[in-house]
Amino acid sequence: MLIPLRPGELQRLIPAVATSNQFTAALGNPRKILQRVLISTIGGVITLLISQTLSFNRWGSVWLVAGVALLLYILWGPILEAGQRNATLRRYPAAALFDGEVAEAYTRERVENRREQADQHGDLELVEQRRTWMVLELADEDGYLGRLSFPMQKKHASIRAGARLRCLVLSDRKDFSRVSALSDAWLPGLRLWVGEYPYLLKPAFEELCQLRLSRARKIS
């Protein structure tokens, strides 16, 4: 079942400014964090040194501001990235609450990183870093809706076909004849949130589900 959202509800569920959970998700894995630290440290130090050499030049203050900004990149970088991800869903003209079920649940391996390293004989070999992802096929009484995938964790082992699931459906068409994107999802029976990225404000979404679904059942 799809229940179209009212004006302003999408913006209330997906904030423009990153939340703490979204900041953590955008911060990334240890490798990505290290890259951010290196950019912040090296770029900031070099820029500040340049600003010192130009301290008597009118461009010195510009380089100083740029240096401070780079030093703070570890903070504003994830905030900016999270805001951009939120904006991708907030821009859709049509959004609806989906109340359906997991038609099928399965796992698959995904290659997240490849690198070459020398073995014990000194020969180069390709090493792949793999991660298990869970894939949920979603459907309701009208048929198949789409697919939701996310990194597998132990808590996800309890998800089975038939589990009730609620999420937001985004489309560029008012009749939802084509699904453009799905948000993260709430499985009320398991009291579990799933998704690659936490788009939704959880308390607000759970409250909206309770309100709109109870009204829909009374009408039907």
N, C-alpha and C. Protein backbone atom coordinates (compact mmCIF):
# COMPACT_ATOMS: atom_id res chain seq x y z
N MET A 1 0.84 -1.19 0.00
CA MET A 1 0.00 0.00 0.00
C MET A 1 0.88 1.25 0.00
N LEU A 2 0.55 2.17 -0.90
CA LEU A 2 1.25 3.45 -0.97
C LEU A 2 0.31 4.56 -0.51
N ILE A 3 0.77 5.36 0.45
CA ILE A 3 0.00 6.48 0.95
C ILE A 3 0.79 7.75 0.66
N PRO A 4 0.36 8.57 -0.31
CA PRO A 4 1.11 9.79 -0.66
C PRO A 4 1.28 10.72 0.55
N LEU A 5 2.45 11.30 0.66
CA LEU A 5 2.71 12.25 1.74
C LEU A 5 2.08 13.60 1.42
N ARG A 6 1.76 14.32 2.46
CA ARG A 6 1.22 15.66 2.30
C ARG A 6 2.36 16.65 2.17
N PRO A 7 2.07 17.85 1.65
CA PRO A 7 3.12 18.88 1.51
C PRO A 7 3.81 19.15 2.84
N GLY A 8 5.13 19.13 2.81
CA GLY A 8 5.92 19.41 4.00
C GLY A 8 6.30 18.19 4.81
N GLU A 9 5.63 17.06 4.61
CA GLU A 9 5.93 15.86 5.40
C GLU A 9 7.27 15.26 5.02
N LEU A 10 7.61 15.28 3.75
CA LEU A 10 8.90 14.73 3.33
C LEU A 10 10.03 15.52 3.96
N GLN A 11 9.93 16.84 3.98
CA GLN A 11 10.98 17.68 4.57
C GLN A 11 11.07 17.49 6.08
N ARG A 12 9.96 17.10 6.69
CA ARG A 12 9.97 16.85 8.14
C ARG A 12 10.63 15.51 8.47
N LEU A 13 10.54 14.58 7.54
CA LEU A 13 11.10 13.24 7.76
C LEU A 13 12.57 13.14 7.37
N ILE A 14 12.97 13.91 6.36
CA ILE A 14 14.37 13.91 5.92
C ILE A 14 14.90 15.32 6.08
N PRO A 15 15.75 15.57 7.06
CA PRO A 15 16.22 16.93 7.34
C PRO A 15 17.19 17.45 6.29
N ALA A 16 17.27 18.76 6.18
CA ALA A 16 18.22 19.38 5.26
C ALA A 16 19.63 19.33 5.84
N VAL A 17 19.72 19.49 7.15
CA VAL A 17 21.02 19.47 7.85
C VAL A 17 21.24 18.09 8.47
N ALA A 18 22.45 17.60 8.38
CA ALA A 18 22.77 16.25 8.84
C ALA A 18 22.53 16.07 10.33
N THR A 19 21.94 14.91 10.69
CA THR A 19 21.80 14.52 12.09
C THR A 19 23.08 13.82 12.53
N SER A 20 23.15 13.48 13.82
CA SER A 20 24.35 12.79 14.32
C SER A 20 24.51 11.42 13.67
N ASN A 21 23.40 10.70 13.46
CA ASN A 21 23.48 9.38 12.80
C ASN A 21 23.94 9.51 11.36
N GLN A 22 23.45 10.54 10.68
CA GLN A 22 23.85 10.76 9.29
C GLN A 22 25.30 11.19 9.20
N PHE A 23 25.77 12.00 10.16
CA PHE A 23 27.18 12.40 10.21
C PHE A 23 28.07 11.17 10.35
N THR A 24 27.68 10.26 11.25
CA THR A 24 28.47 9.04 11.47
C THR A 24 28.50 8.18 10.22
N ALA A 25 27.35 8.06 9.54
CA ALA A 25 27.30 7.26 8.32
C ALA A 25 28.14 7.87 7.21
N ALA A 26 28.11 9.20 7.10
CA ALA A 26 28.88 9.89 6.06
C ALA A 26 30.37 9.89 6.37
N LEU A 27 30.71 9.78 7.64
CA LEU A 27 32.13 9.78 8.03
C LEU A 27 32.85 8.61 7.38
N GLY A 28 32.15 7.47 7.25
CA GLY A 28 32.69 6.36 6.48
C GLY A 28 33.49 5.35 7.29
N ASN A 29 34.11 4.43 6.56
CA ASN A 29 34.92 3.39 7.16
C ASN A 29 36.30 3.95 7.57
N PRO A 30 37.10 3.15 8.28
CA PRO A 30 38.42 3.64 8.72
C PRO A 30 39.30 4.17 7.59
N ARG A 31 39.22 3.54 6.43
CA ARG A 31 40.02 4.00 5.29
C ARG A 31 39.60 5.40 4.85
N LYS A 32 38.29 5.62 4.79
CA LYS A 32 37.78 6.93 4.38
C LYS A 32 38.09 7.99 5.43
N ILE A 33 37.99 7.60 6.70
CA ILE A 33 38.32 8.53 7.78
C ILE A 33 39.78 8.96 7.70
N LEU A 34 40.67 7.99 7.43
CA LEU A 34 42.09 8.30 7.31
C LEU A 34 42.34 9.26 6.16
N GLN A 35 41.64 9.07 5.04
CA GLN A 35 41.79 9.98 3.91
C GLN A 35 41.37 11.40 4.30
N ARG A 36 40.27 11.49 5.04
CA ARG A 36 39.81 12.81 5.47
C ARG A 36 40.82 13.47 6.41
N VAL A 37 41.38 12.69 7.31
CA VAL A 37 42.37 13.22 8.26
C VAL A 37 43.60 13.73 7.52
N LEU A 38 44.07 12.96 6.52
CA LEU A 38 45.25 13.36 5.77
C LEU A 38 44.98 14.65 4.98
N ILE A 39 43.81 14.71 4.34
CA ILE A 39 43.47 15.93 3.60
C ILE A 39 43.40 17.12 4.54
N SER A 40 42.74 16.92 5.69
CA SER A 40 42.57 17.99 6.66
C SER A 40 43.91 18.46 7.21
N THR A 41 44.75 17.50 7.59
CA THR A 41 46.03 17.85 8.23
C THR A 41 47.03 18.44 7.24
N ILE A 42 47.30 17.69 6.17
CA ILE A 42 48.31 18.13 5.21
C ILE A 42 47.88 19.43 4.51
N GLY A 43 46.63 19.44 4.03
CA GLY A 43 46.14 20.63 3.34
C GLY A 43 46.10 21.83 4.25
N GLY A 44 45.64 21.62 5.49
CA GLY A 44 45.54 22.73 6.44
C GLY A 44 46.89 23.29 6.82
N VAL A 45 47.86 22.41 7.11
CA VAL A 45 49.20 22.86 7.52
C VAL A 45 49.89 23.62 6.38
N ILE A 46 49.82 23.06 5.17
CA ILE A 46 50.47 23.71 4.02
C ILE A 46 49.86 25.09 3.77
N THR A 47 48.53 25.16 3.82
CA THR A 47 47.85 26.43 3.57
C THR A 47 48.17 27.46 4.64
N LEU A 48 48.26 27.02 5.90
CA LEU A 48 48.59 27.95 6.98
C LEU A 48 50.03 28.46 6.85
N LEU A 49 50.93 27.59 6.39
CA LEU A 49 52.31 28.02 6.18
C LEU A 49 52.39 29.07 5.07
N ILE A 50 51.60 28.87 4.03
CA ILE A 50 51.57 29.85 2.95
C ILE A 50 51.03 31.18 3.47
N SER A 51 49.99 31.10 4.32
CA SER A 51 49.41 32.34 4.87
C SER A 51 50.42 33.11 5.71
N GLN A 52 51.32 32.37 6.39
CA GLN A 52 52.34 33.05 7.20
C GLN A 52 53.35 33.78 6.33
N THR A 53 53.71 33.16 5.20
CA THR A 53 54.67 33.81 4.30
C THR A 53 54.05 35.02 3.61
N LEU A 54 52.72 35.04 3.54
CA LEU A 54 52.02 36.17 2.91
C LEU A 54 51.32 37.04 3.93
N SER A 55 51.82 37.02 5.16
CA SER A 55 51.14 37.73 6.25
C SER A 55 51.06 39.24 6.00
N PHE A 56 52.02 39.79 5.21
CA PHE A 56 51.99 41.22 4.93
C PHE A 56 51.36 41.52 3.57
N ASN A 57 50.80 40.47 2.97
CA ASN A 57 50.13 40.61 1.67
C ASN A 57 48.62 40.57 1.88
N ARG A 58 47.88 41.20 0.99
CA ARG A 58 46.42 41.23 1.15
C ARG A 58 45.80 39.84 0.98
N TRP A 59 46.56 38.91 0.39
CA TRP A 59 46.05 37.55 0.21
C TRP A 59 46.33 36.68 1.43
N GLY A 60 47.08 37.19 2.38
CA GLY A 60 47.43 36.39 3.54
C GLY A 60 46.22 35.96 4.34
N SER A 61 45.26 36.87 4.52
CA SER A 61 44.06 36.53 5.30
C SER A 61 43.21 35.50 4.58
N VAL A 62 43.22 35.54 3.24
CA VAL A 62 42.46 34.56 2.46
C VAL A 62 43.03 33.17 2.67
N TRP A 63 44.36 33.06 2.59
CA TRP A 63 45.01 31.77 2.81
C TRP A 63 44.82 31.29 4.25
N LEU A 64 44.77 32.22 5.19
CA LEU A 64 44.56 31.85 6.59
C LEU A 64 43.17 31.21 6.78
N VAL A 65 42.16 31.84 6.21
CA VAL A 65 40.80 31.31 6.30
C VAL A 65 40.72 29.94 5.62
N ALA A 66 41.39 29.83 4.46
CA ALA A 66 41.38 28.55 3.75
C ALA A 66 42.07 27.46 4.57
N GLY A 67 43.14 27.82 5.26
CA GLY A 67 43.85 26.85 6.10
C GLY A 67 43.01 26.36 7.25
N VAL A 68 42.32 27.28 7.91
CA VAL A 68 41.44 26.89 9.02
C VAL A 68 40.31 25.99 8.51
N ALA A 69 39.77 26.35 7.34
CA ALA A 69 38.69 25.55 6.76
C ALA A 69 39.16 24.13 6.46
N LEU A 70 40.38 24.00 5.93
CA LEU A 70 40.91 22.67 5.63
C LEU A 70 41.16 21.86 6.90
N LEU A 71 41.63 22.52 7.95
CA LEU A 71 41.85 21.82 9.21
C LEU A 71 40.54 21.29 9.78
N LEU A 72 39.45 21.98 9.49
CA LEU A 72 38.13 21.56 9.98
C LEU A 72 37.40 20.66 8.98
N TYR A 73 38.09 20.26 7.90
CA TYR A 73 37.46 19.42 6.88
C TYR A 73 36.95 18.11 7.45
N ILE A 74 37.61 17.56 8.44
CA ILE A 74 37.19 16.30 9.05
C ILE A 74 35.80 16.43 9.66
N LEU A 75 35.40 17.67 9.98
CA LEU A 75 34.07 17.92 10.56
C LEU A 75 33.04 18.31 9.49
N TRP A 76 33.38 19.32 8.67
CA TRP A 76 32.38 19.79 7.72
C TRP A 76 32.27 18.92 6.48
N GLY A 77 33.28 18.11 6.20
CA GLY A 77 33.21 17.21 5.05
C GLY A 77 32.05 16.22 5.15
N PRO A 78 31.96 15.46 6.25
CA PRO A 78 30.82 14.54 6.39
C PRO A 78 29.47 15.26 6.47
N ILE A 79 29.45 16.45 7.10
CA ILE A 79 28.19 17.20 7.18
C ILE A 79 27.72 17.59 5.79
N LEU A 80 28.65 18.05 4.96
CA LEU A 80 28.31 18.44 3.59
C LEU A 80 27.85 17.23 2.78
N GLU A 81 28.57 16.10 2.92
CA GLU A 81 28.20 14.89 2.18
C GLU A 81 26.82 14.39 2.58
N ALA A 82 26.54 14.39 3.89
CA ALA A 82 25.23 13.94 4.37
C ALA A 82 24.13 14.86 3.87
N GLY A 83 24.38 16.17 3.88
CA GLY A 83 23.40 17.11 3.38
C GLY A 83 23.09 16.89 1.91
N GLN A 84 24.12 16.56 1.14
CA GLN A 84 23.92 16.30 -0.29
C GLN A 84 23.11 15.03 -0.51
N ARG A 85 23.36 14.01 0.32
CA ARG A 85 22.60 12.76 0.20
C ARG A 85 21.14 12.99 0.58
N ASN A 86 20.91 13.77 1.62
CA ASN A 86 19.54 14.09 2.01
C ASN A 86 18.82 14.83 0.89
N ALA A 87 19.54 15.76 0.26
CA ALA A 87 18.95 16.58 -0.79
C ALA A 87 18.51 15.75 -1.99
N THR A 88 19.20 14.64 -2.27
CA THR A 88 18.83 13.80 -3.41
C THR A 88 17.42 13.24 -3.26
N LEU A 89 17.00 12.94 -2.02
CA LEU A 89 15.65 12.42 -1.79
C LEU A 89 14.64 13.54 -1.58
N ARG A 90 15.07 14.63 -0.96
CA ARG A 90 14.16 15.75 -0.70
C ARG A 90 13.70 16.43 -2.00
N ARG A 91 14.45 16.28 -3.07
CA ARG A 91 14.14 17.00 -4.32
C ARG A 91 13.02 16.34 -5.12
N TYR A 92 12.67 15.07 -4.81
CA TYR A 92 11.66 14.39 -5.62
C TYR A 92 10.29 15.03 -5.40
N PRO A 93 9.52 15.22 -6.49
CA PRO A 93 8.22 15.87 -6.36
C PRO A 93 7.14 14.99 -5.75
N ALA A 94 7.35 13.66 -5.76
CA ALA A 94 6.34 12.75 -5.22
C ALA A 94 6.97 11.81 -4.21
N ALA A 95 6.32 11.69 -3.06
CA ALA A 95 6.80 10.80 -2.01
C ALA A 95 5.60 10.13 -1.36
N ALA A 96 5.77 8.86 -0.98
CA ALA A 96 4.67 8.12 -0.38
C ALA A 96 5.20 7.17 0.68
N LEU A 97 4.34 6.89 1.64
CA LEU A 97 4.63 5.90 2.67
C LEU A 97 4.29 4.53 2.12
N PHE A 98 5.23 3.62 2.17
CA PHE A 98 5.00 2.25 1.69
C PHE A 98 4.80 1.33 2.89
N ASP A 99 3.70 0.59 2.86
CA ASP A 99 3.42 -0.42 3.88
C ASP A 99 3.27 -1.75 3.16
N GLY A 100 4.29 -2.58 3.26
CA GLY A 100 4.28 -3.85 2.55
C GLY A 100 5.03 -4.91 3.33
N GLU A 101 5.67 -5.81 2.61
CA GLU A 101 6.39 -6.90 3.27
C GLU A 101 7.63 -7.27 2.48
N VAL A 102 8.46 -8.05 3.13
CA VAL A 102 9.66 -8.59 2.50
C VAL A 102 9.23 -9.81 1.69
N ALA A 103 9.30 -9.70 0.37
CA ALA A 103 8.93 -10.83 -0.48
C ALA A 103 10.01 -11.89 -0.50
N GLU A 104 11.26 -11.44 -0.41
CA GLU A 104 12.40 -12.37 -0.43
C GLU A 104 13.58 -11.70 0.25
N ALA A 105 14.33 -12.48 1.01
CA ALA A 105 15.52 -11.97 1.69
C ALA A 105 16.69 -12.91 1.41
N TYR A 106 17.81 -12.34 0.97
CA TYR A 106 18.99 -13.17 0.68
C TYR A 106 20.24 -12.32 0.83
N THR A 107 21.38 -12.95 0.78
CA THR A 107 22.66 -12.25 0.92
C THR A 107 23.50 -12.44 -0.34
N ARG A 108 24.43 -11.52 -0.51
CA ARG A 108 25.37 -11.63 -1.62
C ARG A 108 26.68 -10.96 -1.22
N GLU A 109 27.74 -11.38 -1.85
CA GLU A 109 29.06 -10.81 -1.57
C GLU A 109 29.32 -9.64 -2.52
N ARG A 110 29.87 -8.58 -1.96
CA ARG A 110 30.18 -7.41 -2.77
C ARG A 110 31.64 -7.02 -2.55
N VAL A 111 32.37 -6.81 -3.65
CA VAL A 111 33.77 -6.40 -3.58
C VAL A 111 33.81 -4.91 -3.26
N GLU A 112 34.42 -4.55 -2.13
CA GLU A 112 34.47 -3.15 -1.72
C GLU A 112 35.82 -2.51 -1.98
N ASN A 113 36.84 -3.34 -2.16
CA ASN A 113 38.17 -2.76 -2.39
C ASN A 113 39.06 -3.80 -3.05
N ARG A 114 39.89 -3.36 -3.98
CA ARG A 114 40.88 -4.22 -4.64
C ARG A 114 42.24 -3.56 -4.54
N ARG A 115 43.25 -4.35 -4.26
CA ARG A 115 44.61 -3.81 -4.22
C ARG A 115 45.60 -4.91 -4.55
N GLU A 116 46.77 -4.50 -5.00
CA GLU A 116 47.84 -5.45 -5.30
C GLU A 116 48.85 -5.46 -4.16
N GLN A 117 49.28 -6.64 -3.78
CA GLN A 117 50.31 -6.76 -2.75
C GLN A 117 51.21 -7.94 -3.09
N ALA A 118 52.43 -7.89 -2.57
CA ALA A 118 53.40 -8.93 -2.86
C ALA A 118 53.18 -10.13 -1.94
N ASP A 119 53.25 -11.33 -2.53
CA ASP A 119 53.15 -12.54 -1.71
C ASP A 119 54.50 -12.89 -1.14
N GLN A 120 54.64 -14.06 -0.52
CA GLN A 120 55.89 -14.45 0.14
C GLN A 120 57.03 -14.69 -0.84
N HIS A 121 56.68 -14.84 -2.14
CA HIS A 121 57.71 -15.04 -3.16
C HIS A 121 58.05 -13.74 -3.88
N GLY A 122 57.40 -12.65 -3.48
CA GLY A 122 57.69 -11.37 -4.10
C GLY A 122 56.86 -11.08 -5.34
N ASP A 123 55.94 -11.98 -5.66
CA ASP A 123 55.08 -11.77 -6.82
C ASP A 123 53.85 -10.96 -6.41
N LEU A 124 53.40 -10.11 -7.31
CA LEU A 124 52.21 -9.31 -7.04
C LEU A 124 50.96 -10.15 -7.23
N GLU A 125 50.03 -10.02 -6.31
CA GLU A 125 48.75 -10.70 -6.42
C GLU A 125 47.63 -9.73 -6.09
N LEU A 126 46.48 -9.96 -6.70
CA LEU A 126 45.33 -9.10 -6.49
C LEU A 126 44.55 -9.57 -5.26
N VAL A 127 44.38 -8.67 -4.30
CA VAL A 127 43.66 -9.00 -3.07
C VAL A 127 42.35 -8.21 -3.06
N GLU A 128 41.26 -8.92 -2.86
CA GLU A 128 39.94 -8.30 -2.83
C GLU A 128 39.38 -8.30 -1.42
N GLN A 129 38.83 -7.16 -1.04
CA GLN A 129 38.15 -7.06 0.25
C GLN A 129 36.66 -7.16 -0.01
N ARG A 130 36.05 -8.23 0.50
CA ARG A 130 34.63 -8.47 0.26
C ARG A 130 33.82 -8.24 1.52
N ARG A 131 32.55 -7.93 1.32
CA ARG A 131 31.63 -7.73 2.43
C ARG A 131 30.27 -8.33 2.08
N THR A 132 29.64 -8.93 3.06
CA THR A 132 28.33 -9.54 2.84
C THR A 132 27.24 -8.48 2.98
N TRP A 133 26.39 -8.42 1.96
CA TRP A 133 25.25 -7.50 1.96
C TRP A 133 23.96 -8.30 2.00
N MET A 134 22.96 -7.77 2.68
CA MET A 134 21.63 -8.37 2.66
C MET A 134 20.78 -7.62 1.64
N VAL A 135 19.99 -8.37 0.90
CA VAL A 135 19.12 -7.80 -0.12
C VAL A 135 17.68 -8.19 0.21
N LEU A 136 16.79 -7.19 0.26
CA LEU A 136 15.38 -7.42 0.52
C LEU A 136 14.58 -7.03 -0.72
N GLU A 137 13.80 -7.97 -1.23
CA GLU A 137 12.87 -7.68 -2.31
C GLU A 137 11.54 -7.29 -1.67
N LEU A 138 11.00 -6.12 -2.02
CA LEU A 138 9.81 -5.59 -1.37
C LEU A 138 8.59 -5.71 -2.28
N ALA A 139 7.45 -6.00 -1.66
CA ALA A 139 6.21 -6.13 -2.42
C ALA A 139 5.03 -5.84 -1.51
N ASP A 140 3.88 -5.56 -2.12
CA ASP A 140 2.63 -5.41 -1.39
C ASP A 140 1.52 -6.06 -2.20
N GLU A 141 0.26 -5.74 -1.89
CA GLU A 141 -0.85 -6.38 -2.58
C GLU A 141 -0.91 -6.02 -4.07
N ASP A 142 -0.23 -4.94 -4.45
CA ASP A 142 -0.20 -4.53 -5.86
C ASP A 142 0.96 -5.15 -6.63
N GLY A 143 1.83 -5.87 -5.94
CA GLY A 143 2.94 -6.52 -6.61
C GLY A 143 4.31 -6.03 -6.16
N TYR A 144 5.31 -6.29 -6.96
CA TYR A 144 6.70 -5.98 -6.64
C TYR A 144 6.93 -4.47 -6.63
N LEU A 145 7.68 -4.00 -5.64
CA LEU A 145 7.99 -2.57 -5.53
C LEU A 145 9.43 -2.26 -5.91
N GLY A 146 10.38 -2.91 -5.25
CA GLY A 146 11.78 -2.61 -5.49
C GLY A 146 12.68 -3.41 -4.57
N ARG A 147 13.94 -3.01 -4.54
CA ARG A 147 14.96 -3.75 -3.80
C ARG A 147 15.70 -2.82 -2.87
N LEU A 148 15.93 -3.31 -1.65
CA LEU A 148 16.67 -2.56 -0.63
C LEU A 148 17.86 -3.41 -0.20
N SER A 149 19.07 -2.84 -0.25
CA SER A 149 20.26 -3.59 0.13
C SER A 149 21.10 -2.78 1.11
N PHE A 150 21.81 -3.49 1.98
CA PHE A 150 22.60 -2.85 3.03
C PHE A 150 23.62 -3.85 3.57
N PRO A 151 24.71 -3.37 4.21
CA PRO A 151 25.71 -4.27 4.78
C PRO A 151 25.10 -5.19 5.84
N MET A 152 25.41 -6.47 5.77
CA MET A 152 24.84 -7.47 6.67
C MET A 152 25.47 -7.38 8.06
N GLN A 153 24.62 -7.41 9.09
CA GLN A 153 25.06 -7.49 10.48
C GLN A 153 24.34 -8.64 11.16
N LYS A 154 24.81 -9.03 12.34
CA LYS A 154 24.20 -10.16 13.05
C LYS A 154 22.72 -9.94 13.32
N LYS A 155 22.35 -8.71 13.65
CA LYS A 155 20.95 -8.41 13.98
C LYS A 155 20.02 -8.60 12.81
N HIS A 156 20.56 -8.66 11.59
CA HIS A 156 19.72 -8.82 10.40
C HIS A 156 19.38 -10.28 10.12
N ALA A 157 19.98 -11.20 10.85
CA ALA A 157 19.75 -12.62 10.59
C ALA A 157 18.30 -13.03 10.85
N SER A 158 17.58 -12.24 11.63
CA SER A 158 16.19 -12.58 11.96
C SER A 158 15.19 -12.16 10.88
N ILE A 159 15.65 -11.45 9.85
CA ILE A 159 14.75 -10.98 8.79
C ILE A 159 14.40 -12.15 7.87
N ARG A 160 13.12 -12.37 7.67
CA ARG A 160 12.62 -13.44 6.83
C ARG A 160 11.57 -12.90 5.86
N ALA A 161 11.33 -13.67 4.81
CA ALA A 161 10.25 -13.32 3.89
C ALA A 161 8.93 -13.27 4.64
N GLY A 162 8.13 -12.29 4.35
CA GLY A 162 6.85 -12.11 5.03
C GLY A 162 6.87 -11.07 6.12
N ALA A 163 8.07 -10.62 6.52
CA ALA A 163 8.18 -9.60 7.56
C ALA A 163 7.59 -8.28 7.07
N ARG A 164 6.83 -7.61 7.93
CA ARG A 164 6.24 -6.33 7.58
C ARG A 164 7.32 -5.27 7.48
N LEU A 165 7.19 -4.38 6.50
CA LEU A 165 8.23 -3.37 6.28
C LEU A 165 7.59 -2.07 5.82
N ARG A 166 8.13 -0.97 6.33
CA ARG A 166 7.64 0.37 5.96
C ARG A 166 8.83 1.26 5.60
N CYS A 167 8.66 2.03 4.56
CA CYS A 167 9.71 2.96 4.13
C CYS A 167 9.07 4.06 3.29
N LEU A 168 9.88 4.97 2.79
CA LEU A 168 9.40 6.00 1.87
C LEU A 168 9.75 5.61 0.44
N VAL A 169 8.82 5.87 -0.45
CA VAL A 169 9.03 5.66 -1.87
C VAL A 169 9.09 7.02 -2.54
N LEU A 170 10.12 7.27 -3.33
CA LEU A 170 10.30 8.55 -4.02
C LEU A 170 10.18 8.34 -5.52
N SER A 171 9.53 9.29 -6.17
CA SER A 171 9.35 9.18 -7.61
C SER A 171 9.30 10.57 -8.24
N ASP A 172 9.63 10.64 -9.52
CA ASP A 172 9.49 11.89 -10.26
C ASP A 172 8.15 11.94 -10.98
N ARG A 173 7.30 10.97 -10.71
CA ARG A 173 5.97 10.92 -11.30
C ARG A 173 4.92 10.86 -10.20
N LYS A 174 3.88 11.66 -10.35
CA LYS A 174 2.85 11.75 -9.32
C LYS A 174 2.08 10.44 -9.14
N ASP A 175 2.02 9.62 -10.18
CA ASP A 175 1.28 8.36 -10.08
C ASP A 175 2.15 7.19 -9.61
N PHE A 176 3.43 7.47 -9.33
CA PHE A 176 4.37 6.46 -8.84
C PHE A 176 4.49 5.26 -9.80
N SER A 177 4.30 5.53 -11.09
CA SER A 177 4.45 4.46 -12.08
C SER A 177 5.90 4.02 -12.23
N ARG A 178 6.80 4.88 -11.76
CA ARG A 178 8.23 4.51 -11.74
C ARG A 178 8.81 4.91 -10.40
N VAL A 179 9.40 3.94 -9.71
CA VAL A 179 10.04 4.19 -8.41
C VAL A 179 11.47 4.64 -8.66
N SER A 180 11.80 5.84 -8.17
CA SER A 180 13.14 6.40 -8.38
C SER A 180 14.10 6.07 -7.25
N ALA A 181 13.59 6.02 -6.01
CA ALA A 181 14.46 5.78 -4.86
C ALA A 181 13.63 5.28 -3.68
N LEU A 182 14.33 4.61 -2.76
CA LEU A 182 13.73 4.15 -1.51
C LEU A 182 14.57 4.67 -0.35
N SER A 183 13.93 4.99 0.74
CA SER A 183 14.66 5.41 1.94
C SER A 183 15.09 4.17 2.72
N ASP A 184 15.68 4.37 3.87
CA ASP A 184 15.89 3.26 4.79
C ASP A 184 14.52 2.81 5.28
N ALA A 185 14.46 1.63 5.91
CA ALA A 185 13.17 1.02 6.20
C ALA A 185 13.05 0.60 7.67
N TRP A 186 11.79 0.53 8.11
CA TRP A 186 11.44 0.16 9.48
C TRP A 186 10.65 -1.14 9.44
N LEU A 187 11.14 -2.14 10.18
CA LEU A 187 10.43 -3.42 10.33
C LEU A 187 9.81 -3.44 11.71
N PRO A 188 8.54 -3.05 11.84
CA PRO A 188 7.93 -2.91 13.17
C PRO A 188 7.85 -4.21 13.96
N GLY A 189 7.63 -5.33 13.28
CA GLY A 189 7.53 -6.60 13.99
C GLY A 189 8.83 -7.01 14.65
N LEU A 190 9.95 -6.62 14.06
CA LEU A 190 11.27 -6.95 14.60
C LEU A 190 11.88 -5.76 15.35
N ARG A 191 11.18 -4.63 15.31
CA ARG A 191 11.69 -3.39 15.90
C ARG A 191 13.12 -3.12 15.41
N LEU A 192 13.26 -3.13 14.10
CA LEU A 192 14.58 -3.06 13.48
C LEU A 192 14.55 -2.07 12.31
N TRP A 193 15.58 -1.23 12.26
CA TRP A 193 15.78 -0.32 11.14
C TRP A 193 16.87 -0.88 10.24
N VAL A 194 16.65 -0.81 8.92
CA VAL A 194 17.64 -1.31 7.97
C VAL A 194 17.84 -0.30 6.85
N GLY A 195 19.00 -0.33 6.24
CA GLY A 195 19.30 0.56 5.12
C GLY A 195 20.78 0.88 5.06
N GLU A 196 21.22 1.28 3.89
CA GLU A 196 22.63 1.64 3.71
C GLU A 196 22.96 2.97 4.35
N TYR A 197 21.95 3.87 4.41
CA TYR A 197 22.16 5.21 4.94
C TYR A 197 20.89 5.65 5.68
N PRO A 198 21.01 6.26 6.87
CA PRO A 198 19.83 6.64 7.67
C PRO A 198 19.19 7.96 7.24
N TYR A 199 18.42 7.91 6.17
CA TYR A 199 17.78 9.14 5.68
C TYR A 199 16.74 9.68 6.66
N LEU A 200 15.93 8.79 7.24
CA LEU A 200 14.74 9.20 7.98
C LEU A 200 15.01 9.53 9.44
N LEU A 201 14.25 10.50 9.95
CA LEU A 201 14.21 10.75 11.38
C LEU A 201 13.30 9.69 11.99
N LYS A 202 13.86 8.78 12.73
CA LYS A 202 13.13 7.58 13.14
C LYS A 202 11.87 7.85 13.96
N PRO A 203 11.94 8.64 15.04
CA PRO A 203 10.71 8.87 15.82
C PRO A 203 9.61 9.52 14.99
N ALA A 204 9.97 10.46 14.13
CA ALA A 204 8.98 11.15 13.30
C ALA A 204 8.34 10.18 12.30
N PHE A 205 9.14 9.28 11.73
CA PHE A 205 8.61 8.33 10.76
C PHE A 205 7.70 7.32 11.44
N GLU A 206 8.10 6.80 12.59
CA GLU A 206 7.26 5.84 13.31
C GLU A 206 5.93 6.47 13.70
N GLU A 207 5.98 7.73 14.13
CA GLU A 207 4.75 8.44 14.49
C GLU A 207 3.85 8.63 13.27
N LEU A 208 4.46 9.00 12.13
CA LEU A 208 3.69 9.19 10.90
C LEU A 208 3.04 7.87 10.46
N CYS A 209 3.77 6.78 10.55
CA CYS A 209 3.23 5.47 10.18
C CYS A 209 2.00 5.14 11.01
N GLN A 210 2.11 5.33 12.31
CA GLN A 210 0.99 5.03 13.20
C GLN A 210 -0.23 5.88 12.87
N LEU A 211 -0.01 7.15 12.59
CA LEU A 211 -1.10 8.08 12.32
C LEU A 211 -1.75 7.80 10.97
N ARG A 212 -0.94 7.74 9.91
CA ARG A 212 -1.49 7.62 8.57
C ARG A 212 -2.06 6.23 8.29
N LEU A 213 -1.42 5.18 8.81
CA LEU A 213 -1.91 3.82 8.56
C LEU A 213 -3.21 3.54 9.32
N SER A 214 -3.33 4.08 10.53
CA SER A 214 -4.57 3.89 11.28
C SER A 214 -5.74 4.58 10.58
N ARG A 215 -5.50 5.75 10.00
CA ARG A 215 -6.53 6.46 9.24
C ARG A 215 -6.90 5.70 7.98
N ALA A 216 -5.88 5.15 7.31
CA ALA A 216 -6.13 4.41 6.08
C ALA A 216 -6.97 3.16 6.34
N ARG A 217 -6.73 2.50 7.47
CA ARG A 217 -7.51 1.29 7.79
C ARG A 217 -8.96 1.66 8.12
N LYS A 218 -9.18 2.80 8.79
CA LYS A 218 -10.54 3.22 9.12
C LYS A 218 -11.33 3.53 7.85
N ILE A 219 -10.67 4.17 6.89
CA ILE A 219 -11.32 4.53 5.64
C ILE A 219 -11.68 3.29 4.83
N SER A 220 -10.74 2.32 4.83
CA SER A 220 -10.97 1.11 4.05
C SER A 220 -11.99 0.20 4.74
